Amino acid sequence: MTHPTEAWMPDGKVREYRMCTRCVMDTTDPDITFAADGVCSNCHGFEKNLKPYWKPDAEGAAELEALLERIRREGEGKPYDCIIGLSGGVDSSFLATKLKEWRLRPLVVHVDAGWNSELAVNNIEQILSKVGLHLDTVVIDWNEMRDLQRAFLKSHVANQDIPQDHAFSAALVGKALEHGITYVISGTNFATEGVLPQSWGYDAMDAAHISDIHRQFGEMKLKRFPILGFRDYYETMLQKLQFVAPLNFMPYDKASAIAHLEQNYGWRYYGGKHYESIWTRWYQAHYLPEKFGYDKRKAHLSSLVVAGSLSRDEALKELEKPLYTDNELAEDTAFVAKKLGFTVEELEALIHAPPRHYLDFATHAGALERYQAQLARNAVLKARLNLRTLPGRIARKLTAVLASPKG
């Protein structure tokens, strides 16, 4: 299988193929645009929206130390001062080893959604045995997970990782609230994840979207599957928890992290970003490119290019490699089909059916718009109340601004 140069376009229009002159993103991203010099909107987005907050330098080190000290101080007298999800992948495994060095006392949570590879399980065991951290495993009800994943495949949307990603986040949040933990440590980082086209997927935390797809295509009730509703997510989780991404405040290089884990912890690499899950490997390397023309390696490699840890030529050479060998693809497809209760022919028929856009199904967009409007109204009200403490001249001027349509 070669990497695609054409992709499904939601508007049905055919675009002339073009690739960025700086990274390796191309017109398989339906929303991509190019500047006069050929540099794409993903690169410009990284420079404008992410790079200012990426601090792999002395300033970042100082901010990180202050943050770690605050976590340690606020966690005094508690069994745990933070929580981290451990998948067995590079980012979370590397971060788990650093938490021990930083003298933090994390609750380590692994969410088993039914797709762990033996290598991922072994990596988790190797890390925990060496650093001496406690593991709490959350096992998702497999019958319900399978029913939800079957429903998503029948919906023909791009982001087939939503059931797993939602379960991971919901389970982690549930454990944090259960143990009274404020700080959630995340392996999210700009060094390896600075480019990811929004057009290639959709928000995994949209419970309305999940419920609508399951209502249309599911075959059983979801009684135990962890769902974070809109209020749970925006009004409880985001207010009670603080999400921390330490890797954005330190030098972080994927190759160096892998070498560190292999040499010191007996950890083994699994071959691709998020490929510690058999499902995600199959979904990213077969479903997405075959059905939508989206090769996620382009985003992963472009992230490394814009971060300066990989040259564009090196990225292009990586893209020349096949996504799968024929034997590996046949094995994974047979495994996924059997596990989800499809025949191989049924699964391939789903892949080759016409794609659908996530907007064909319900979303929480309306609820989010109302929530943001309420936050804005609350901010204006608070500002007006604060005017009482200001000198009269300044208060009158600010009152006029707040009263204006643009205020």
Protein backbone atom coordinates (compact mmCIF):
# COMPACT_ATOMS: atom_id res chain seq x y z
CA MET A 1 0.00 0.00 0.00
CA THR A 2 1.35 3.41 -0.97
CA HIS A 3 0.47 6.65 0.73
CA PRO A 4 -2.48 8.43 -0.89
CA THR A 5 -2.22 11.67 -2.84
CA GLU A 6 -5.98 12.09 -3.20
CA ALA A 7 -8.52 12.29 -0.39
CA TRP A 8 -12.25 12.45 0.16
CA MET A 9 -13.47 16.04 0.12
CA PRO A 10 -16.62 16.88 2.11
CA ASP A 11 -17.72 19.35 -0.60
CA GLY A 12 -17.11 16.81 -3.37
CA LYS A 13 -14.72 19.09 -5.23
CA VAL A 14 -11.55 17.79 -6.86
CA ARG A 15 -8.41 19.75 -5.96
CA GLU A 16 -5.12 19.89 -7.79
CA TYR A 17 -2.53 17.97 -5.76
CA ARG A 18 -0.02 20.10 -3.90
CA MET A 19 2.42 19.56 -1.02
CA CYS A 20 3.80 22.10 1.42
CA THR A 21 7.31 23.33 0.69
CA ARG A 22 8.26 23.24 4.38
CA CYS A 23 6.57 20.12 5.79
CA VAL A 24 4.93 17.11 4.09
CA MET A 25 1.29 18.02 4.56
CA ASP A 26 -0.63 18.17 1.30
CA THR A 27 -4.05 18.56 -0.24
CA THR A 28 -5.29 15.36 1.38
CA ASP A 29 -6.07 17.86 4.16
CA PRO A 30 -9.34 19.35 2.84
CA ASP A 31 -8.80 22.60 4.74
CA ILE A 32 -5.16 23.23 3.78
CA THR A 33 -4.17 26.52 2.19
CA PHE A 34 -0.83 27.75 0.92
CA ALA A 35 0.97 31.06 1.18
CA ALA A 36 2.80 32.58 -1.79
CA ASP A 37 6.01 30.76 -0.82
CA GLY A 38 4.21 27.41 -0.76
CA VAL A 39 4.25 27.05 3.02
CA CYS A 40 0.98 25.58 4.28
CA SER A 41 -1.57 26.74 6.83
CA ASN A 42 -0.58 23.92 9.19
CA CYS A 43 2.95 25.32 9.42
CA HIS A 44 1.68 28.85 9.93
CA GLY A 45 -0.76 27.60 12.53
CA PHE A 46 2.05 25.95 14.47
CA GLU A 47 4.14 29.12 14.42
CA LYS A 48 1.28 31.37 15.48
CA ASN A 49 -0.77 29.24 17.86
CA LEU A 50 1.58 26.68 19.42
CA LYS A 51 5.20 27.74 19.22
CA PRO A 52 4.77 30.72 21.59
CA TYR A 53 3.71 28.26 24.30
CA TRP A 54 6.44 25.71 23.59
CA LYS A 55 9.37 26.41 25.90
CA PRO A 56 12.14 23.79 25.70
CA ASP A 57 14.58 26.28 27.27
CA ALA A 58 15.62 27.88 30.55
CA GLU A 59 12.36 29.82 30.77
CA GLY A 60 10.40 26.61 30.39
CA ALA A 61 12.56 24.82 32.94
CA ALA A 62 11.85 27.54 35.51
CA GLU A 63 8.11 27.41 34.82
CA LEU A 64 8.13 23.62 35.05
CA GLU A 65 9.94 23.61 38.37
CA ALA A 66 7.48 26.13 39.79
CA LEU A 67 4.60 23.97 38.58
CA LEU A 68 6.10 20.79 40.04
CA GLU A 69 6.64 22.51 43.37
CA ARG A 70 3.02 23.63 43.42
CA ILE A 71 1.82 20.09 42.68
CA ARG A 72 4.01 18.67 45.44
CA ARG A 73 2.90 21.33 47.92
CA GLU A 74 -0.83 21.00 47.23
CA GLY A 75 -0.56 17.22 47.34
CA GLU A 76 0.93 17.07 50.81
CA GLY A 77 -0.98 14.71 53.10
CA LYS A 78 -2.73 13.00 50.17
CA PRO A 79 -1.98 9.50 48.82
CA TYR A 80 -1.40 10.97 45.35
CA ASP A 81 -0.54 14.46 44.14
CA CYS A 82 -1.35 13.87 40.46
CA ILE A 83 -2.66 11.31 38.00
CA ILE A 84 -1.33 10.05 34.66
CA GLY A 85 -2.68 7.69 32.02
CA LEU A 86 -0.16 5.07 30.87
CA SER A 87 -0.72 3.40 27.51
CA GLY A 88 2.70 1.83 27.02
CA GLY A 89 3.48 4.29 24.24
CA VAL A 90 6.53 6.53 24.03
CA ASP A 91 5.16 9.79 25.44
CA SER A 92 3.32 8.43 28.47
CA SER A 93 6.07 5.91 29.28
CA PHE A 94 8.80 8.55 29.13
CA LEU A 95 6.74 10.92 31.22
CA ALA A 96 6.07 8.26 33.87
CA THR A 97 9.83 7.85 34.36
CA LYS A 98 10.25 11.61 34.70
CA LEU A 99 7.51 11.91 37.34
CA LYS A 100 9.54 9.68 39.61
CA GLU A 101 12.62 11.83 39.04
CA TRP A 102 10.56 14.93 39.85
CA ARG A 103 9.53 13.44 43.21
CA LEU A 104 5.85 13.37 42.33
CA ARG A 105 3.49 10.71 43.64
CA PRO A 106 1.18 9.90 40.73
CA LEU A 107 -1.71 7.51 40.54
CA VAL A 108 -0.97 5.66 37.30
CA VAL A 109 -4.07 4.60 35.39
CA HIS A 110 -4.22 2.22 32.45
CA VAL A 111 -7.49 1.92 30.53
CA ASP A 112 -7.95 -1.46 28.87
CA ALA A 113 -10.40 -1.02 26.00
CA GLY A 114 -9.75 -4.49 24.63
CA TRP A 115 -7.08 -3.71 22.04
CA ASN A 116 -3.78 -3.84 23.91
CA SER A 117 -0.92 -5.52 22.14
CA GLU A 118 1.30 -7.86 24.16
CA LEU A 119 4.14 -5.42 23.56
CA ALA A 120 2.19 -2.54 25.14
CA VAL A 121 1.32 -4.63 28.19
CA ASN A 122 4.96 -5.66 28.56
CA ASN A 123 6.10 -2.04 28.26
CA ILE A 124 3.74 -1.00 31.04
CA GLU A 125 5.00 -3.78 33.29
CA GLN A 126 8.63 -2.88 32.59
CA ILE A 127 8.10 0.80 33.42
CA LEU A 128 6.16 0.17 36.62
CA SER A 129 8.57 -2.46 37.92
CA LYS A 130 11.53 -0.10 37.46
CA VAL A 131 10.01 3.10 38.87
CA GLY A 132 7.88 1.52 41.59
CA LEU A 133 4.60 3.27 40.81
CA HIS A 134 1.12 1.98 41.66
CA LEU A 135 -1.12 0.99 38.74
CA ASP A 136 -4.90 1.18 38.69
CA THR A 137 -6.36 -0.59 35.64
CA VAL A 138 -9.80 0.32 34.34
CA VAL A 139 -11.31 -2.39 32.13
CA ILE A 140 -13.99 -1.17 29.74
CA ASP A 141 -16.91 -3.55 29.26
CA TRP A 142 -15.93 -5.27 26.03
CA ASN A 143 -19.44 -6.06 24.79
CA GLU A 144 -20.38 -2.38 25.00
CA MET A 145 -17.08 -1.19 23.50
CA ARG A 146 -17.50 -3.60 20.62
CA ASP A 147 -21.09 -2.47 20.01
CA LEU A 148 -20.05 1.18 19.98
CA GLN A 149 -17.11 0.54 17.64
CA ARG A 150 -19.36 -1.45 15.29
CA ALA A 151 -21.79 1.47 15.30
CA PHE A 152 -19.03 3.93 14.40
CA LEU A 153 -17.83 1.74 11.54
CA LYS A 154 -21.40 1.60 10.21
CA SER A 155 -21.59 5.41 10.43
CA HIS A 156 -18.66 5.74 7.98
CA VAL A 157 -17.15 8.80 9.74
CA ALA A 158 -13.41 9.45 9.74
CA ASN A 159 -12.56 9.46 13.46
CA GLN A 160 -13.04 5.83 14.42
CA ASP A 161 -10.88 6.34 17.51
CA ILE A 162 -13.63 8.32 19.26
CA PRO A 163 -15.00 5.37 21.32
CA GLN A 164 -11.53 4.52 22.66
CA ASP A 165 -10.40 8.11 23.18
CA HIS A 166 -13.61 9.04 25.00
CA ALA A 167 -13.38 5.99 27.24
CA PHE A 168 -9.75 6.76 28.09
CA SER A 169 -10.50 10.37 29.05
CA ALA A 170 -13.71 9.57 30.92
CA ALA A 171 -12.07 6.79 32.94
CA LEU A 172 -9.06 8.95 33.81
CA VAL A 173 -11.26 11.85 34.87
CA GLY A 174 -13.40 9.49 36.94
CA LYS A 175 -10.36 8.22 38.82
CA ALA A 176 -9.07 11.75 39.41
CA LEU A 177 -12.39 12.87 40.91
CA GLU A 178 -12.71 9.65 42.92
CA HIS A 179 -9.34 10.23 44.59
CA GLY A 180 -9.64 14.01 44.92
CA ILE A 181 -6.73 14.62 42.54
CA THR A 182 -6.50 18.04 40.90
CA TYR A 183 -3.56 17.68 38.51
CA VAL A 184 -3.82 15.47 35.41
CA ILE A 185 -0.44 14.89 33.78
CA SER A 186 -0.63 14.62 30.00
CA GLY A 187 1.92 13.42 27.46
CA THR A 188 0.53 15.87 24.90
CA ASN A 189 3.38 17.84 23.40
CA PHE A 190 4.11 20.31 20.62
CA ALA A 191 7.42 18.63 19.77
CA THR A 192 5.72 15.62 18.17
CA GLU A 193 2.08 16.71 17.82
CA GLY A 194 2.29 20.24 16.45
CA VAL A 195 0.47 19.37 13.23
CA LEU A 196 -2.86 17.55 13.14
CA PRO A 197 -5.51 18.66 10.63
CA GLN A 198 -8.91 19.13 12.27
CA SER A 199 -10.52 18.08 8.99
CA TRP A 200 -9.24 14.53 9.49
CA GLY A 201 -11.35 13.85 12.54
CA TYR A 202 -13.71 15.20 15.16
CA ASP A 203 -13.89 15.91 18.89
CA ALA A 204 -13.81 12.67 20.89
CA MET A 205 -15.40 14.39 23.88
CA ASP A 206 -18.71 15.14 22.14
CA ALA A 207 -21.15 12.87 23.99
CA ALA A 208 -24.05 14.03 21.80
CA HIS A 209 -22.19 12.82 18.70
CA ILE A 210 -21.39 9.46 20.29
CA SER A 211 -24.98 8.98 21.47
CA ASP A 212 -26.50 9.82 18.09
CA ILE A 213 -24.27 7.41 16.17
CA HIS A 214 -24.93 4.67 18.71
CA ARG A 215 -28.68 5.38 18.62
CA GLN A 216 -28.71 4.89 14.87
CA PHE A 217 -26.39 1.92 14.54
CA GLY A 218 -25.91 0.33 17.96
CA GLU A 219 -27.54 -2.92 18.96
CA MET A 220 -27.48 -2.77 22.78
CA LYS A 221 -27.76 -0.22 25.57
CA LEU A 222 -24.58 1.29 26.94
CA LYS A 223 -24.97 0.78 30.68
CA ARG A 224 -21.35 0.68 31.84
CA PHE A 225 -19.45 2.51 29.10
CA PRO A 226 -18.00 5.71 30.66
CA ILE A 227 -19.64 8.73 29.04
CA LEU A 228 -18.71 12.31 29.88
CA GLY A 229 -21.77 14.42 29.09
CA PHE A 230 -21.52 18.09 28.15
CA ARG A 231 -21.91 19.36 31.69
CA ASP A 232 -19.58 16.69 33.06
CA TYR A 233 -16.89 17.78 30.61
CA TYR A 234 -17.21 21.56 30.47
CA GLU A 235 -18.69 22.42 33.85
CA THR A 236 -17.18 19.75 36.11
CA MET A 237 -14.00 18.37 34.60
CA LEU A 238 -12.58 21.62 33.23
CA GLN A 239 -13.36 23.48 36.47
CA LYS A 240 -12.20 20.90 39.01
CA LEU A 241 -9.13 19.53 37.22
CA GLN A 242 -5.96 21.12 35.90
CA PHE A 243 -4.33 19.51 32.87
CA VAL A 244 -0.56 19.76 32.77
CA ALA A 245 1.71 19.01 29.78
CA PRO A 246 5.28 18.97 31.18
CA LEU A 247 6.85 17.92 27.87
CA ASN A 248 6.10 21.40 26.51
CA PHE A 249 8.46 22.92 29.09
CA MET A 250 11.53 20.81 28.40
CA PRO A 251 13.59 19.54 25.46
CA TYR A 252 11.77 16.51 24.10
CA ASP A 253 12.98 14.43 21.20
CA LYS A 254 11.14 11.22 20.27
CA ALA A 255 14.25 9.30 19.22
CA SER A 256 16.09 10.24 22.42
CA ALA A 257 13.06 9.27 24.50
CA ILE A 258 12.89 5.86 22.82
CA ALA A 259 16.61 5.29 23.41
CA HIS A 260 16.22 6.30 27.08
CA LEU A 261 13.33 3.86 27.58
CA GLU A 262 15.02 0.98 25.75
CA GLN A 263 18.36 1.35 27.50
CA ASN A 264 17.10 1.94 31.04
CA TYR A 265 13.72 0.27 31.31
CA GLY A 266 13.61 -2.70 28.93
CA TRP A 267 10.91 -0.91 26.92
CA ARG A 268 10.45 -1.86 23.25
CA TYR A 269 9.27 0.25 20.34
CA TYR A 270 6.13 -0.85 18.46
CA GLY A 271 6.68 0.86 15.09
CA GLY A 272 4.46 3.95 14.84
CA LYS A 273 2.65 6.68 16.73
CA HIS A 274 -0.11 5.07 18.84
CA TYR A 275 0.63 1.66 17.33
CA GLU A 276 0.71 0.21 20.87
CA SER A 277 -2.97 -0.51 20.11
CA ILE A 278 -3.72 -3.07 17.38
CA TRP A 279 -6.97 -1.28 16.60
CA THR A 280 -5.31 2.11 16.20
CA ARG A 281 -2.59 0.63 13.99
CA TRP A 282 -5.23 -0.87 11.68
CA TYR A 283 -7.41 2.23 11.76
CA GLN A 284 -4.57 4.67 11.00
CA ALA A 285 -2.69 2.52 8.50
CA HIS A 286 -5.63 0.99 6.62
CA TYR A 287 -9.10 2.42 7.35
CA LEU A 288 -8.21 6.11 7.09
CA PRO A 289 -5.96 5.96 4.01
CA GLU A 290 -8.15 3.43 2.19
CA LYS A 291 -11.53 5.07 2.88
CA PHE A 292 -10.63 8.76 3.20
CA GLY A 293 -7.14 9.09 1.70
CA TYR A 294 -5.75 10.37 5.02
CA ASP A 295 -2.23 9.16 5.88
CA LYS A 296 -1.62 10.23 9.48
CA ARG A 297 2.12 9.74 9.05
CA LYS A 298 2.08 13.02 7.12
CA ALA A 299 0.85 14.87 10.20
CA HIS A 300 3.19 13.02 12.57
CA LEU A 301 6.22 13.59 10.36
CA SER A 302 5.27 17.21 9.68
CA SER A 303 5.12 17.77 13.43
CA LEU A 304 8.73 16.64 13.70
CA VAL A 305 9.72 18.82 10.74
CA VAL A 306 8.22 22.05 12.13
CA ALA A 307 9.73 21.25 15.53
CA GLY A 308 13.16 20.97 13.93
CA SER A 309 13.88 17.35 14.85
CA LEU A 310 13.50 15.92 11.33
CA SER A 311 14.32 17.28 7.90
CA ARG A 312 11.72 17.41 5.17
CA ASP A 313 13.81 15.06 3.03
CA GLU A 314 13.91 12.53 5.85
CA ALA A 315 10.14 12.80 6.21
CA LEU A 316 9.66 12.20 2.49
CA LYS A 317 11.81 9.07 2.69
CA GLU A 318 9.66 7.77 5.54
CA LEU A 319 6.55 8.29 3.43
CA GLU A 320 8.04 6.11 0.70
CA LYS A 321 7.76 3.13 3.03
CA PRO A 322 4.55 1.07 2.84
CA LEU A 323 1.92 1.58 5.51
CA TYR A 324 1.60 -2.19 5.86
CA THR A 325 3.15 -5.27 4.38
CA ASP A 326 0.55 -7.51 2.71
CA ASN A 327 0.92 -10.21 5.37
CA GLU A 328 0.65 -7.76 8.29
CA LEU A 329 -2.44 -6.13 6.79
CA ALA A 330 -4.15 -9.49 6.24
CA GLU A 331 -3.35 -10.56 9.82
CA ASP A 332 -4.57 -7.32 11.41
CA THR A 333 -7.71 -7.15 9.26
CA ALA A 334 -8.63 -10.72 10.18
CA PHE A 335 -7.97 -9.97 13.86
CA VAL A 336 -10.06 -6.76 13.86
CA ALA A 337 -12.92 -8.41 11.95
CA LYS A 338 -13.10 -11.39 14.30
CA LYS A 339 -12.86 -9.26 17.44
CA LEU A 340 -15.66 -6.95 16.28
CA GLY A 341 -17.89 -9.77 15.06
CA PHE A 342 -17.58 -9.11 11.33
CA THR A 343 -16.41 -11.32 8.53
CA VAL A 344 -13.39 -9.94 6.66
CA GLU A 345 -15.67 -9.36 3.67
CA GLU A 346 -18.15 -7.38 5.80
CA LEU A 347 -15.37 -5.24 7.26
CA GLU A 348 -13.87 -4.49 3.86
CA ALA A 349 -17.35 -3.62 2.53
CA LEU A 350 -17.69 -1.04 5.31
CA ILE A 351 -14.33 0.46 4.35
CA HIS A 352 -15.29 0.78 0.72
CA ALA A 353 -18.75 2.24 1.34
CA PRO A 354 -19.05 6.02 0.76
CA PRO A 355 -17.57 8.19 3.56
CA ARG A 356 -19.74 10.47 5.67
CA HIS A 357 -18.99 13.74 7.43
CA TYR A 358 -19.31 14.04 11.18
CA LEU A 359 -21.85 16.85 10.68
CA ASP A 360 -24.24 14.23 9.28
CA PHE A 361 -24.79 13.36 12.96
CA ALA A 362 -25.70 15.33 16.07
CA THR A 363 -23.00 17.36 17.82
CA HIS A 364 -22.81 19.48 20.95
CA ALA A 365 -22.10 22.64 18.92
CA GLY A 366 -25.30 24.35 20.03
CA ALA A 367 -24.74 23.55 23.70
CA LEU A 368 -21.15 24.74 23.43
CA GLU A 369 -22.22 28.03 21.82
CA ARG A 370 -24.76 28.65 24.60
CA TYR A 371 -22.20 27.77 27.26
CA GLN A 372 -19.60 30.14 25.82
CA ALA A 373 -22.22 32.90 25.56
CA GLN A 374 -23.07 32.40 29.22
CA LEU A 375 -19.38 32.60 30.16
CA ALA A 376 -19.12 35.86 28.23
CA ARG A 377 -22.19 37.26 30.01
CA ASN A 378 -20.77 36.21 33.37
CA ALA A 379 -17.46 37.92 32.54
CA VAL A 380 -19.25 41.16 31.64
CA LEU A 381 -21.32 41.01 34.84
CA LYS A 382 -18.21 40.44 36.93
CA ALA A 383 -16.45 43.33 35.20
CA ARG A 384 -19.38 45.64 35.91
CA LEU A 385 -19.43 44.65 39.56
CA ASN A 386 -15.72 45.37 39.79
CA LEU A 387 -16.28 48.89 38.47
CA ARG A 388 -17.52 49.92 41.89
CA THR A 389 -13.97 49.81 43.21
CA LEU A 390 -12.56 52.03 40.45
CA PRO A 391 -12.27 55.81 40.37
CA GLY A 392 -15.41 57.44 38.94
CA ARG A 393 -13.84 58.74 35.70
CA ILE A 394 -12.38 55.32 34.77
CA ALA A 395 -15.54 53.50 35.82
CA ARG A 396 -17.74 55.68 33.57
CA LYS A 397 -15.45 55.08 30.59
CA LEU A 398 -15.40 51.29 31.07
CA THR A 399 -19.18 51.24 31.60
CA ALA A 400 -19.62 52.87 28.18
CA VAL A 401 -17.36 50.24 26.58
CA LEU A 402 -19.21 47.34 28.22
CA ALA A 403 -22.56 48.78 27.16
CA SER A 404 -21.56 49.05 23.49
CA PRO A 405 -22.33 46.23 20.99
CA LYS A 406 -18.62 45.57 20.71
CA GLY A 407 -18.08 45.53 24.47
